[in-house]
Amino acid sequence: MEQLSKKFIAHNQAQKQLLQDANEACNAHLPERIIQFGEGNFLRGFVDWMIHTLNKKGLFNGSIVAIQPTPHGKVVPKLNAQDGLYTLAQRGMLNGTEVDEREIVTSISRGINPYTDWQKVLEVAENIDVRFMFSNTTEAGLTYLQEEYDKERSPLSFPGKVAAYLYHRFQTFQGAKEAGMILFPCELLDNNGQLLKEIVIRLATEWDFPQSFIDWVDQHNQFCNTLVDRIVTGFPREGIKQFNQELGYEDTLLTTCEPFHLFAIEAKPEIAAQLPFEKAGLNVHWKPVAPFRELKVRILNGAHTMMFAAAYLSGLDTVKEAMEDEELQQFIRTGVYEEILPLLHINEEEKIRFADATLERFSNPFNQHKLLDISLNSIFKWKTRILPSFLEAVRKNNALPAALTFSLAALYVFYRPDHVKDHVWFGKRGDTVYPIRENEKTLRSIQILSDHNGEDLQRTIHAFLSNQQLWETDLTAVPQLAETVTFHVQNIGEHGMKAALRSFMENRV
């Protein structure tokens, strides 16, 4: 079976509509207009697909140069072997309809390894048509790293590469304002555009770049804050043989994702006009990011954290299984629609639409999202994702939000270890032993839970809730919280999670 490439498409494009569309796009010879730091699954399933969609609709007419972000990356050779092409498979539910689509994405012109071909990256900086920069180097990539500047070699850090790239562009075009870039970091950090700008200027100062360059960066380059949301599951290792048979070719970069996508960007109207995503029918919003971040953290992330312990201890393993369980689905809907949504100061229609889409995504038949994966560092997640809603509900209603309170009790039970071995905590679900995936500092803070058999339950729960190292507040000060959590924990212990959850949903204690 042949590998995906422009030559393969040209020789076989009459066989499938998929190949016909790709051949037409390949023959367009689009000029390079975007440099992208990162070439992984997420960017290929999100930004690169969006640019491909713009090109298909005649709204952009440009291609992407993808830069390898780390020295040991393996994607660029595969990308170049396939002439920048890869297949995107969108699978899942969208607006009540099952989506299962394939498309060859043609927006990437080439990939560059900066650690072996730094001069090729600098040549991109010399192209006045390359006005846009996208990135996703993970949250760890968008950080400051002290390093030396060498104009002949690539900096190691992502912000270092950006600083060196911009400096070369500044020198090439003698500081012309028209040469300024528009940058869209897609790393999941608050104010990611502003953060990147601050690190670039810090490095420029440390590297003794002229003040005129720093002024040019500040005044003529636009660093846009963004928020991205799409589950990109990447290469389907278990189903690749079936994909290859269906497609009729091999694709080492085949990428799978859900159909839902959301991109929020803080930028000036003239920038939005240059990248008319909305005209292409994409779910992109050129608005302040904060409300969208609030929606994502409180609803999507919050619902995951709220439900995982109750679902897992009920004998389920995936989010999809939880959505197929009557009690758990109702438990999730209660927490989201009755307890979290009313607290969000966002357009009513918009937040309901987002909540509906979230639960639809949870039901994706193609996405086996493991509950134990969600459990990682869940005390911190409960504090950041749920506690703000919980405390606001108490203040507003002068009563405990029932579902969120039950989720806190379930979290307590999940974290209470059956045994500790080699400093690793293990819980028990029936005959199944599971690891409690938490950082060492947090485990030290809840050490009392590992001794729970010899402690009074009320005392242990009081210690758990009053631990300000965990919650940054004393939760025992919340009226009736300790008593209610104790009641739920006792019920779970006596009857099991499934029966306790059923009793809770029937009585709404």
Protein backbone atom coordinates (compact mmCIF):
# COMPACT_ATOMS: atom_id res chain seq x y z
CA MET A 1 0.00 0.00 0.00
CA GLU A 2 1.41 3.40 -1.01
CA GLN A 3 2.07 6.28 1.35
CA LEU A 4 0.12 9.54 1.16
CA SER A 5 1.96 12.16 -0.94
CA LYS A 6 1.26 14.64 -3.73
CA LYS A 7 2.50 12.09 -6.28
CA PHE A 8 0.13 9.45 -4.94
CA ILE A 9 -2.81 11.87 -5.06
CA ALA A 10 -1.99 12.98 -8.61
CA HIS A 11 -1.92 9.37 -9.85
CA ASN A 12 -4.99 8.18 -7.96
CA GLN A 13 -7.20 11.24 -7.58
CA ALA A 14 -9.90 9.86 -9.85
CA GLN A 15 -10.62 7.02 -7.42
CA LYS A 16 -12.14 8.94 -4.49
CA GLN A 17 -13.67 12.35 -3.87
CA LEU A 18 -11.28 12.64 -0.93
CA LEU A 19 -8.30 12.45 -3.33
CA GLN A 20 -9.91 14.66 -5.98
CA ASP A 21 -10.38 17.49 -3.48
CA ALA A 22 -6.81 17.12 -2.20
CA ASN A 23 -5.36 17.11 -5.74
CA GLU A 24 -7.17 20.33 -6.57
CA ALA A 25 -5.84 21.97 -3.39
CA CYS A 26 -2.27 20.74 -4.04
CA ASN A 27 -2.31 22.29 -7.50
CA ALA A 28 -3.19 25.70 -6.05
CA HIS A 29 0.50 26.29 -5.03
CA LEU A 30 -0.38 28.49 -2.08
CA PRO A 31 2.26 31.00 -0.90
CA GLU A 32 3.69 30.62 2.59
CA ARG A 33 1.97 33.12 4.91
CA ILE A 34 2.14 31.46 8.36
CA ILE A 35 4.97 30.18 10.52
CA GLN A 36 3.94 27.69 13.16
CA PHE A 37 5.97 26.54 16.15
CA GLY A 38 4.73 23.03 16.81
CA GLU A 39 3.58 20.28 14.45
CA GLY A 40 1.83 17.90 16.81
CA ASN A 41 -1.60 16.36 16.85
CA PHE A 42 -3.41 19.35 18.32
CA LEU A 43 -2.24 21.94 15.81
CA ARG A 44 -2.85 19.57 12.91
CA GLY A 45 -6.36 18.85 14.18
CA PHE A 46 -7.17 22.46 15.02
CA VAL A 47 -5.32 25.44 13.48
CA ASP A 48 -3.97 23.71 10.37
CA TRP A 49 -7.42 22.29 9.59
CA MET A 50 -8.94 25.76 10.05
CA ILE A 51 -6.46 27.33 7.61
CA HIS A 52 -7.18 24.47 5.19
CA THR A 53 -10.89 25.28 5.51
CA LEU A 54 -10.25 28.97 4.79
CA ASN A 55 -8.26 28.05 1.70
CA LYS A 56 -11.00 25.73 0.42
CA LYS A 57 -13.49 28.57 0.61
CA GLY A 58 -11.12 31.06 -1.04
CA LEU A 59 -10.84 33.21 2.09
CA PHE A 60 -7.09 33.10 2.83
CA ASN A 61 -4.85 31.71 0.05
CA GLY A 62 -1.85 30.79 2.15
CA SER A 63 0.15 27.88 3.56
CA ILE A 64 2.00 27.08 6.78
CA VAL A 65 5.66 26.41 7.56
CA ALA A 66 5.74 24.08 10.58
CA ILE A 67 8.73 24.31 12.94
CA GLN A 68 9.78 21.38 15.14
CA PRO A 69 9.63 22.63 18.76
CA THR A 70 12.04 20.22 20.49
CA PRO A 71 15.37 18.64 19.51
CA HIS A 72 14.00 15.08 19.54
CA GLY A 73 10.83 15.60 17.54
CA LYS A 74 9.87 12.95 14.97
CA VAL A 75 7.03 14.64 13.06
CA VAL A 76 8.91 16.88 10.60
CA PRO A 77 10.56 14.00 8.66
CA LYS A 78 7.17 12.30 8.34
CA LEU A 79 5.54 15.57 7.32
CA ASN A 80 8.09 16.24 4.58
CA ALA A 81 7.92 12.63 3.37
CA GLN A 82 4.17 13.19 2.82
CA ASP A 83 4.65 16.66 1.22
CA GLY A 84 2.96 18.29 4.21
CA LEU A 85 -0.21 16.25 3.73
CA TYR A 86 -2.15 14.28 6.34
CA THR A 87 -5.65 12.93 6.83
CA LEU A 88 -7.97 14.32 9.49
CA ALA A 89 -10.78 12.09 10.76
CA GLN A 90 -13.52 13.95 12.66
CA ARG A 91 -15.64 11.57 14.71
CA GLY A 92 -18.32 12.23 17.29
CA MET A 93 -21.61 13.99 17.95
CA LEU A 94 -22.34 17.54 16.81
CA ASN A 95 -25.75 19.19 17.27
CA GLY A 96 -27.41 15.83 17.77
CA THR A 97 -25.92 14.26 14.63
CA GLU A 98 -23.17 11.66 14.47
CA VAL A 99 -20.18 12.88 12.45
CA ASP A 100 -17.64 10.48 10.90
CA GLU A 101 -15.73 12.35 8.19
CA ARG A 102 -12.31 12.12 6.48
CA GLU A 103 -10.39 14.92 4.79
CA ILE A 104 -6.84 15.37 3.48
CA VAL A 105 -5.47 18.61 4.95
CA THR A 106 -3.25 20.52 2.51
CA SER A 107 -2.39 23.71 4.41
CA ILE A 108 1.19 22.81 5.45
CA SER A 109 3.86 23.50 2.83
CA ARG A 110 6.81 21.94 4.69
CA GLY A 111 8.37 21.27 8.05
CA ILE A 112 11.73 22.53 9.35
CA ASN A 113 13.95 21.15 12.10
CA PRO A 114 15.48 24.36 13.55
CA TYR A 115 18.22 22.44 15.36
CA THR A 116 19.69 21.27 12.04
CA ASP A 117 18.37 23.96 9.66
CA TRP A 118 18.15 27.20 11.64
CA GLN A 119 19.03 29.26 8.58
CA LYS A 120 15.91 27.96 6.83
CA VAL A 121 13.82 29.30 9.73
CA LEU A 122 15.53 32.69 9.38
CA GLU A 123 14.80 32.65 5.65
CA VAL A 124 11.11 32.41 6.54
CA ALA A 125 11.59 35.57 8.65
CA GLU A 126 12.85 37.29 5.49
CA ASN A 127 9.56 36.61 3.68
CA ILE A 128 7.40 39.73 4.08
CA ASP A 129 4.28 37.68 3.23
CA VAL A 130 4.66 35.57 6.39
CA ARG A 131 2.65 37.78 8.73
CA PHE A 132 1.09 35.26 11.12
CA MET A 133 2.58 33.01 13.79
CA PHE A 134 0.72 30.19 15.58
CA SER A 135 2.10 27.92 18.27
CA ASN A 136 1.31 25.09 20.63
CA THR A 137 4.40 23.97 22.50
CA THR A 138 2.39 22.88 25.60
CA GLU A 139 2.20 24.98 28.76
CA ALA A 140 5.74 23.89 29.63
CA GLY A 141 6.97 25.34 26.34
CA LEU A 142 5.65 28.83 26.99
CA THR A 143 8.07 29.55 29.83
CA TYR A 144 11.23 31.56 30.33
CA LEU A 145 14.56 29.77 29.96
CA GLN A 146 17.86 31.51 30.56
CA GLU A 147 20.06 30.77 27.56
CA GLU A 148 22.77 32.35 25.42
CA TYR A 149 22.03 33.93 22.03
CA ASP A 150 23.91 32.62 19.01
CA LYS A 151 22.73 33.97 15.67
CA GLU A 152 23.97 30.80 13.95
CA ARG A 153 22.01 28.38 16.13
CA SER A 154 18.44 27.87 17.23
CA PRO A 155 17.61 28.80 20.83
CA LEU A 156 16.29 25.86 22.81
CA SER A 157 13.14 27.48 24.22
CA PHE A 158 10.09 28.45 22.19
CA PRO A 159 10.13 32.13 23.34
CA GLY A 160 13.85 32.19 22.55
CA LYS A 161 13.14 31.08 18.98
CA VAL A 162 10.46 33.75 18.67
CA ALA A 163 12.82 36.48 19.96
CA ALA A 164 15.61 35.42 17.58
CA TYR A 165 13.18 35.07 14.66
CA LEU A 166 11.70 38.52 15.24
CA TYR A 167 15.14 40.09 15.63
CA HIS A 168 16.25 38.70 12.26
CA ARG A 169 13.04 39.98 10.68
CA PHE A 170 13.58 43.39 12.31
CA GLN A 171 17.09 43.55 10.86
CA THR A 172 16.01 42.34 7.42
CA PHE A 173 13.31 44.97 7.03
CA GLN A 174 15.14 47.70 8.99
CA GLY A 175 12.43 48.00 11.59
CA ALA A 176 9.58 48.67 9.15
CA LYS A 177 6.26 48.57 10.96
CA GLU A 178 4.76 46.65 8.02
CA ALA A 179 7.08 43.75 8.88
CA GLY A 180 5.50 43.26 12.31
CA MET A 181 3.97 39.86 13.04
CA ILE A 182 0.59 38.81 14.40
CA LEU A 183 1.13 36.03 16.96
CA PHE A 184 -1.44 33.52 18.24
CA PRO A 185 0.00 31.31 21.00
CA CYS A 186 -2.41 28.41 21.62
CA GLU A 187 -0.83 27.12 24.83
CA LEU A 188 -3.45 26.72 27.58
CA LEU A 189 -2.26 29.53 29.84
CA ASP A 190 -4.03 32.69 31.01
CA ASN A 191 -3.07 35.73 28.93
CA ASN A 192 -0.83 33.56 26.77
CA GLY A 193 -0.22 36.32 24.21
CA GLN A 194 0.85 38.84 26.82
CA LEU A 195 2.99 36.20 28.53
CA LEU A 196 4.84 35.39 25.30
CA LYS A 197 5.44 39.09 24.65
CA GLU A 198 6.87 39.63 28.13
CA ILE A 199 9.29 36.70 27.81
CA VAL A 200 10.41 37.80 24.33
CA ILE A 201 11.18 41.30 25.60
CA ARG A 202 12.96 39.89 28.64
CA LEU A 203 15.19 37.75 26.42
CA ALA A 204 15.81 40.65 24.04
CA THR A 205 17.00 42.70 27.00
CA GLU A 206 19.25 39.92 28.30
CA TRP A 207 20.70 39.38 24.81
CA ASP A 208 21.52 43.11 24.49
CA PHE A 209 19.31 43.60 21.45
CA PRO A 210 18.87 47.34 20.71
CA GLN A 211 16.08 49.32 22.31
CA SER A 212 14.75 50.09 18.84
CA PHE A 213 14.03 46.37 18.40
CA ILE A 214 12.24 46.15 21.75
CA ASP A 215 10.15 49.18 20.77
CA TRP A 216 9.36 47.52 17.42
CA VAL A 217 8.24 44.32 19.16
CA ASP A 218 6.06 46.33 21.53
CA GLN A 219 4.50 48.68 18.98
CA HIS A 220 4.31 46.79 15.69
CA ASN A 221 3.79 43.14 16.65
CA GLN A 222 0.41 41.94 17.90
CA PHE A 223 0.49 39.24 20.59
CA CYS A 224 -3.08 37.91 20.85
CA ASN A 225 -4.48 36.13 23.89
CA THR A 226 -6.33 32.97 22.87
CA LEU A 227 -8.35 30.05 24.22
CA VAL A 228 -8.57 26.77 22.32
CA ASP A 229 -10.95 23.88 22.88
CA ARG A 230 -11.02 20.63 20.93
CA ILE A 231 -10.27 17.04 21.86
CA VAL A 232 -7.67 15.79 19.37
CA THR A 233 -6.99 12.12 20.04
CA GLY A 234 -4.25 11.88 17.41
CA PHE A 235 -3.00 8.77 15.64
CA PRO A 236 -5.44 5.83 15.98
CA ARG A 237 -2.95 3.07 16.76
CA GLU A 238 -5.58 0.43 17.46
CA GLY A 239 -7.67 1.21 14.37
CA ILE A 240 -4.99 2.19 11.85
CA LYS A 241 -5.32 -0.99 9.74
CA GLN A 242 -9.02 -0.34 9.27
CA PHE A 243 -8.32 3.30 8.35
CA ASN A 244 -5.67 2.28 5.80
CA GLN A 245 -8.04 -0.20 4.14
CA GLU A 246 -10.81 2.37 4.01
CA LEU A 247 -8.59 5.15 2.64
CA GLY A 248 -6.53 3.07 0.24
CA TYR A 249 -3.20 4.51 1.37
CA GLU A 250 -0.94 4.70 4.42
CA ASP A 251 -0.76 7.91 6.42
CA THR A 252 1.78 8.01 9.25
CA LEU A 253 0.28 11.33 10.44
CA LEU A 254 -3.39 10.42 10.33
CA THR A 255 -5.05 12.49 13.04
CA THR A 256 -8.39 11.90 14.76
CA CYS A 257 -10.46 14.47 16.64
CA GLU A 258 -13.97 15.33 17.75
CA PRO A 259 -16.09 17.58 15.50
CA PHE A 260 -16.59 20.19 18.22
CA HIS A 261 -14.11 23.08 18.19
CA LEU A 262 -13.92 26.52 19.76
CA PHE A 263 -11.30 29.21 19.25
CA ALA A 264 -11.52 32.53 21.14
CA ILE A 265 -9.09 35.29 20.15
CA GLU A 266 -8.54 38.76 21.56
CA ALA A 267 -7.49 40.88 18.60
CA LYS A 268 -8.27 44.05 16.69
CA PRO A 269 -11.03 43.94 14.03
CA GLU A 270 -8.52 44.40 11.22
CA ILE A 271 -6.78 41.19 12.27
CA ALA A 272 -10.08 39.31 12.29
CA ALA A 273 -10.70 40.54 8.76
CA GLN A 274 -7.41 38.99 7.59
CA LEU A 275 -8.36 35.58 9.02
CA PRO A 276 -12.13 35.35 8.41
CA PHE A 277 -12.68 32.07 10.24
CA GLU A 278 -16.30 32.87 10.99
CA LYS A 279 -17.10 33.39 7.30
CA ALA A 280 -15.87 29.85 6.74
CA GLY A 281 -18.42 28.57 9.26
CA LEU A 282 -15.85 27.87 11.99
CA ASN A 283 -16.62 28.31 15.69
CA VAL A 284 -14.17 31.18 16.19
CA HIS A 285 -14.92 34.23 18.33
CA TRP A 286 -12.91 37.46 18.10
CA LYS A 287 -13.82 38.50 21.62
CA PRO A 288 -12.28 38.74 25.10
CA VAL A 289 -11.11 35.30 26.16
CA ALA A 290 -12.08 35.44 29.85
CA PRO A 291 -15.79 34.50 29.45
CA PHE A 292 -14.91 31.53 27.26
CA ARG A 293 -12.25 30.41 29.71
CA GLU A 294 -14.84 30.65 32.48
CA LEU A 295 -17.23 28.49 30.47
CA LYS A 296 -14.59 25.89 29.71
CA VAL A 297 -13.16 25.67 33.24
CA ARG A 298 -16.45 25.78 35.13
CA ILE A 299 -18.54 23.59 32.79
CA LEU A 300 -16.33 21.27 30.74
CA ASN A 301 -13.44 20.82 33.17
CA GLY A 302 -15.71 21.22 36.18
CA ALA A 303 -18.10 18.50 35.04
CA HIS A 304 -15.20 16.10 34.44
CA THR A 305 -13.85 16.70 37.95
CA MET A 306 -17.28 16.63 39.55
CA MET A 307 -18.27 13.25 38.14
CA PHE A 308 -15.11 11.15 37.78
CA ALA A 309 -14.91 9.75 41.37
CA ALA A 310 -18.61 8.89 41.63
CA ALA A 311 -18.54 7.30 38.17
CA TYR A 312 -15.34 5.31 38.67
CA LEU A 313 -16.33 4.03 42.12
CA SER A 314 -19.69 3.02 40.62
CA GLY A 315 -17.79 0.53 38.47
CA LEU A 316 -17.46 2.54 35.25
CA ASP A 317 -14.25 3.30 33.36
CA THR A 318 -15.00 6.02 30.77
CA VAL A 319 -16.89 9.29 30.48
CA LYS A 320 -19.07 7.77 27.77
CA GLU A 321 -20.13 4.95 30.13
CA ALA A 322 -21.04 7.56 32.75
CA MET A 323 -23.27 9.36 30.24
CA GLU A 324 -25.00 6.06 29.43
CA ASP A 325 -25.79 5.45 33.12
CA GLU A 326 -29.15 6.98 34.12
CA GLU A 327 -28.22 8.05 37.66
CA LEU A 328 -24.80 9.40 36.72
CA GLN A 329 -26.09 11.33 33.74
CA GLN A 330 -28.73 12.93 35.94
CA PHE A 331 -26.10 13.63 38.59
CA ILE A 332 -23.92 15.40 36.01
CA ARG A 333 -26.86 17.35 34.58
CA THR A 334 -27.89 18.45 38.08
CA GLY A 335 -24.43 19.77 38.86
CA VAL A 336 -24.04 21.54 35.52
CA TYR A 337 -27.49 22.97 34.80
CA GLU A 338 -28.87 23.54 38.31
CA GLU A 339 -25.78 24.43 40.32
CA ILE A 340 -23.02 25.79 38.05
CA LEU A 341 -24.79 27.46 35.12
CA PRO A 342 -26.93 29.87 37.20
CA LEU A 343 -23.73 31.34 38.71
CA LEU A 344 -22.05 32.25 35.41
CA HIS A 345 -22.52 35.88 34.40
CA ILE A 346 -22.58 35.05 30.71
CA ASN A 347 -25.30 35.30 28.06
CA GLU A 348 -27.95 32.72 28.98
CA GLU A 349 -28.29 31.28 25.50
CA GLU A 350 -24.51 31.05 25.05
CA LYS A 351 -23.85 29.21 28.31
CA ILE A 352 -26.71 26.75 27.77
CA ARG A 353 -25.46 26.07 24.26
CA PHE A 354 -21.96 25.41 25.62
CA ALA A 355 -23.31 23.10 28.35
CA ASP A 356 -25.39 21.17 25.80
CA ALA A 357 -22.35 20.79 23.56
CA THR A 358 -20.24 19.63 26.52
CA LEU A 359 -22.58 16.79 27.46
CA GLU A 360 -22.86 15.84 23.81
CA ARG A 361 -19.05 15.64 23.67
CA PHE A 362 -19.06 13.44 26.77
CA SER A 363 -21.27 11.00 24.83
CA ASN A 364 -18.87 10.77 21.86
CA PRO A 365 -18.98 7.09 20.81
CA PHE A 366 -15.46 7.31 19.36
CA ASN A 367 -13.72 8.86 22.35
CA GLN A 368 -12.86 6.51 25.19
CA HIS A 369 -11.90 9.14 27.79
CA LYS A 370 -10.66 7.20 30.81
CA LEU A 371 -11.94 8.29 34.23
CA LEU A 372 -8.61 7.39 35.83
CA ASP A 373 -6.88 9.79 33.42
CA ILE A 374 -9.19 12.55 34.66
CA SER A 375 -8.32 11.64 38.25
CA LEU A 376 -4.77 13.01 37.98
CA ASN A 377 -4.20 15.76 40.62
CA SER A 378 -7.94 16.01 41.22
CA ILE A 379 -7.78 17.78 44.58
CA PHE A 380 -6.14 20.76 42.86
CA LYS A 381 -8.66 20.44 40.01
CA TRP A 382 -11.60 20.41 42.46
CA LYS A 383 -10.21 23.53 44.14
CA THR A 384 -9.72 25.47 40.89
CA ARG A 385 -12.63 24.17 38.83
CA ILE A 386 -15.44 23.52 41.31
CA LEU A 387 -14.74 25.32 44.58
CA PRO A 388 -15.43 28.82 43.14
CA SER A 389 -18.88 27.65 41.99
CA PHE A 390 -19.45 25.82 45.27
CA LEU A 391 -18.67 28.83 47.48
CA GLU A 392 -20.60 31.22 45.27
CA ALA A 393 -23.64 28.94 45.44
CA VAL A 394 -23.43 28.87 49.23
CA ARG A 395 -23.27 32.67 49.39
CA LYS A 396 -26.07 33.16 46.90
CA ASN A 397 -28.50 30.51 48.13
CA ASN A 398 -27.48 30.17 51.79
CA ALA A 399 -27.48 26.42 51.24
CA LEU A 400 -25.12 23.70 50.05
CA PRO A 401 -25.19 22.87 46.31
CA ALA A 402 -26.23 19.24 46.64
CA ALA A 403 -24.50 17.61 43.65
CA LEU A 404 -21.23 19.48 44.18
CA THR A 405 -21.26 18.48 47.86
CA PHE A 406 -21.79 14.83 46.94
CA SER A 407 -18.88 15.09 44.48
CA LEU A 408 -16.65 16.30 47.32
CA ALA A 409 -17.63 13.26 49.39
CA ALA A 410 -16.92 10.98 46.41
CA LEU A 411 -13.53 12.66 45.97
CA TYR A 412 -12.74 11.98 49.64
CA VAL A 413 -13.62 8.29 49.26
CA PHE A 414 -11.60 8.00 46.04
CA TYR A 415 -8.50 9.44 47.74
CA ARG A 416 -8.81 7.32 50.88
CA PRO A 417 -6.19 4.61 50.22
CA ASP A 418 -6.65 0.89 50.70
CA HIS A 419 -2.88 0.57 51.09
CA VAL A 420 0.39 2.38 50.46
CA LYS A 421 3.31 0.68 48.72
CA ASP A 422 6.69 2.25 47.93
CA HIS A 423 5.23 5.68 48.70
CA VAL A 424 2.45 5.13 46.13
CA TRP A 425 -1.16 5.26 47.33
CA PHE A 426 -3.62 2.69 46.01
CA GLY A 427 -7.37 2.75 46.32
CA LYS A 428 -9.70 -0.20 45.84
CA ARG A 429 -12.86 -0.57 43.78
CA GLY A 430 -14.30 -4.00 44.44
CA ASP A 431 -11.50 -6.36 43.45
CA THR A 432 -9.74 -3.69 41.37
CA VAL A 433 -6.78 -1.76 42.75
CA TYR A 434 -6.16 1.70 41.27
CA PRO A 435 -3.30 4.17 41.73
CA ILE A 436 -4.07 7.51 43.36
CA ARG A 437 -2.25 9.82 40.96
CA GLU A 438 -1.39 12.85 43.04
CA ASN A 439 1.74 14.92 43.68
CA GLU A 440 3.81 14.19 46.77
CA LYS A 441 3.12 17.55 48.41
CA THR A 442 -0.64 16.99 48.34
CA LEU A 443 -0.31 13.43 49.62
CA ARG A 444 1.70 14.71 52.58
CA SER A 445 -1.10 17.19 53.27
CA ILE A 446 -3.70 14.44 53.42
CA GLN A 447 -1.57 11.85 55.20
CA ILE A 448 -4.32 11.41 57.75
CA LEU A 449 -6.40 9.65 55.08
CA SER A 450 -3.85 6.83 54.88
CA ASP A 451 -4.48 6.15 58.58
CA HIS A 452 -8.27 6.36 58.32
CA ASN A 453 -8.91 2.90 59.77
CA GLY A 454 -7.59 4.00 63.12
CA GLU A 455 -9.26 7.41 63.10
CA ASP A 456 -12.75 8.60 63.82
CA LEU A 457 -14.47 9.37 60.48
CA GLN A 458 -15.77 12.76 61.59
CA ARG A 459 -12.32 13.78 62.78
CA THR A 460 -10.68 12.66 59.53
CA ILE A 461 -13.21 14.50 57.35
CA HIS A 462 -12.84 17.61 59.52
CA ALA A 463 -9.05 17.47 59.03
CA PHE A 464 -9.52 17.00 55.27
CA LEU A 465 -11.91 19.94 54.88
CA SER A 466 -10.06 22.31 57.20
CA ASN A 467 -6.69 21.78 55.47
CA GLN A 468 -5.85 25.21 54.10
CA GLN A 469 -2.84 23.83 52.23
CA LEU A 470 -5.34 22.01 50.04
CA TRP A 471 -8.17 24.49 49.74
CA GLU A 472 -6.63 27.87 50.69
CA THR A 473 -9.60 28.23 53.03
CA ASP A 474 -11.18 26.35 55.94
CA LEU A 475 -14.14 24.51 54.43
CA THR A 476 -15.42 23.46 57.85
CA ALA A 477 -16.54 27.08 58.21
CA VAL A 478 -19.22 26.37 55.57
CA PRO A 479 -22.39 25.55 57.56
CA GLN A 480 -23.37 21.86 57.50
CA LEU A 481 -20.67 20.91 55.00
CA ALA A 482 -18.67 18.61 57.29
CA GLU A 483 -21.84 16.92 58.54
CA THR A 484 -23.22 16.41 55.01
CA VAL A 485 -19.94 15.06 53.62
CA THR A 486 -19.72 12.69 56.59
CA PHE A 487 -23.27 11.48 55.91
CA HIS A 488 -22.47 10.77 52.25
CA VAL A 489 -19.17 9.05 53.05
CA GLN A 490 -20.89 6.80 55.60
CA ASN A 491 -23.61 5.95 53.09
CA ILE A 492 -21.03 5.15 50.40
CA GLY A 493 -19.11 2.99 52.84
CA GLU A 494 -22.17 1.03 53.96
CA HIS A 495 -23.97 0.59 50.64
CA GLY A 496 -21.43 1.24 47.89
CA MET A 497 -21.13 4.22 45.56
CA LYS A 498 -23.82 3.11 43.12
CA ALA A 499 -26.50 2.67 45.80
CA ALA A 500 -25.44 5.84 47.62
CA LEU A 501 -25.67 7.85 44.40
CA ARG A 502 -29.11 6.42 43.64
CA SER A 503 -30.28 7.31 47.14
CA PHE A 504 -28.85 10.81 46.75
CA MET A 505 -30.57 11.40 43.42
CA GLU A 506 -33.87 10.20 44.87
CA ASN A 507 -33.67 12.35 48.00
CA ARG A 508 -31.33 15.20 46.99
CA VAL A 509 -29.80 15.37 50.46
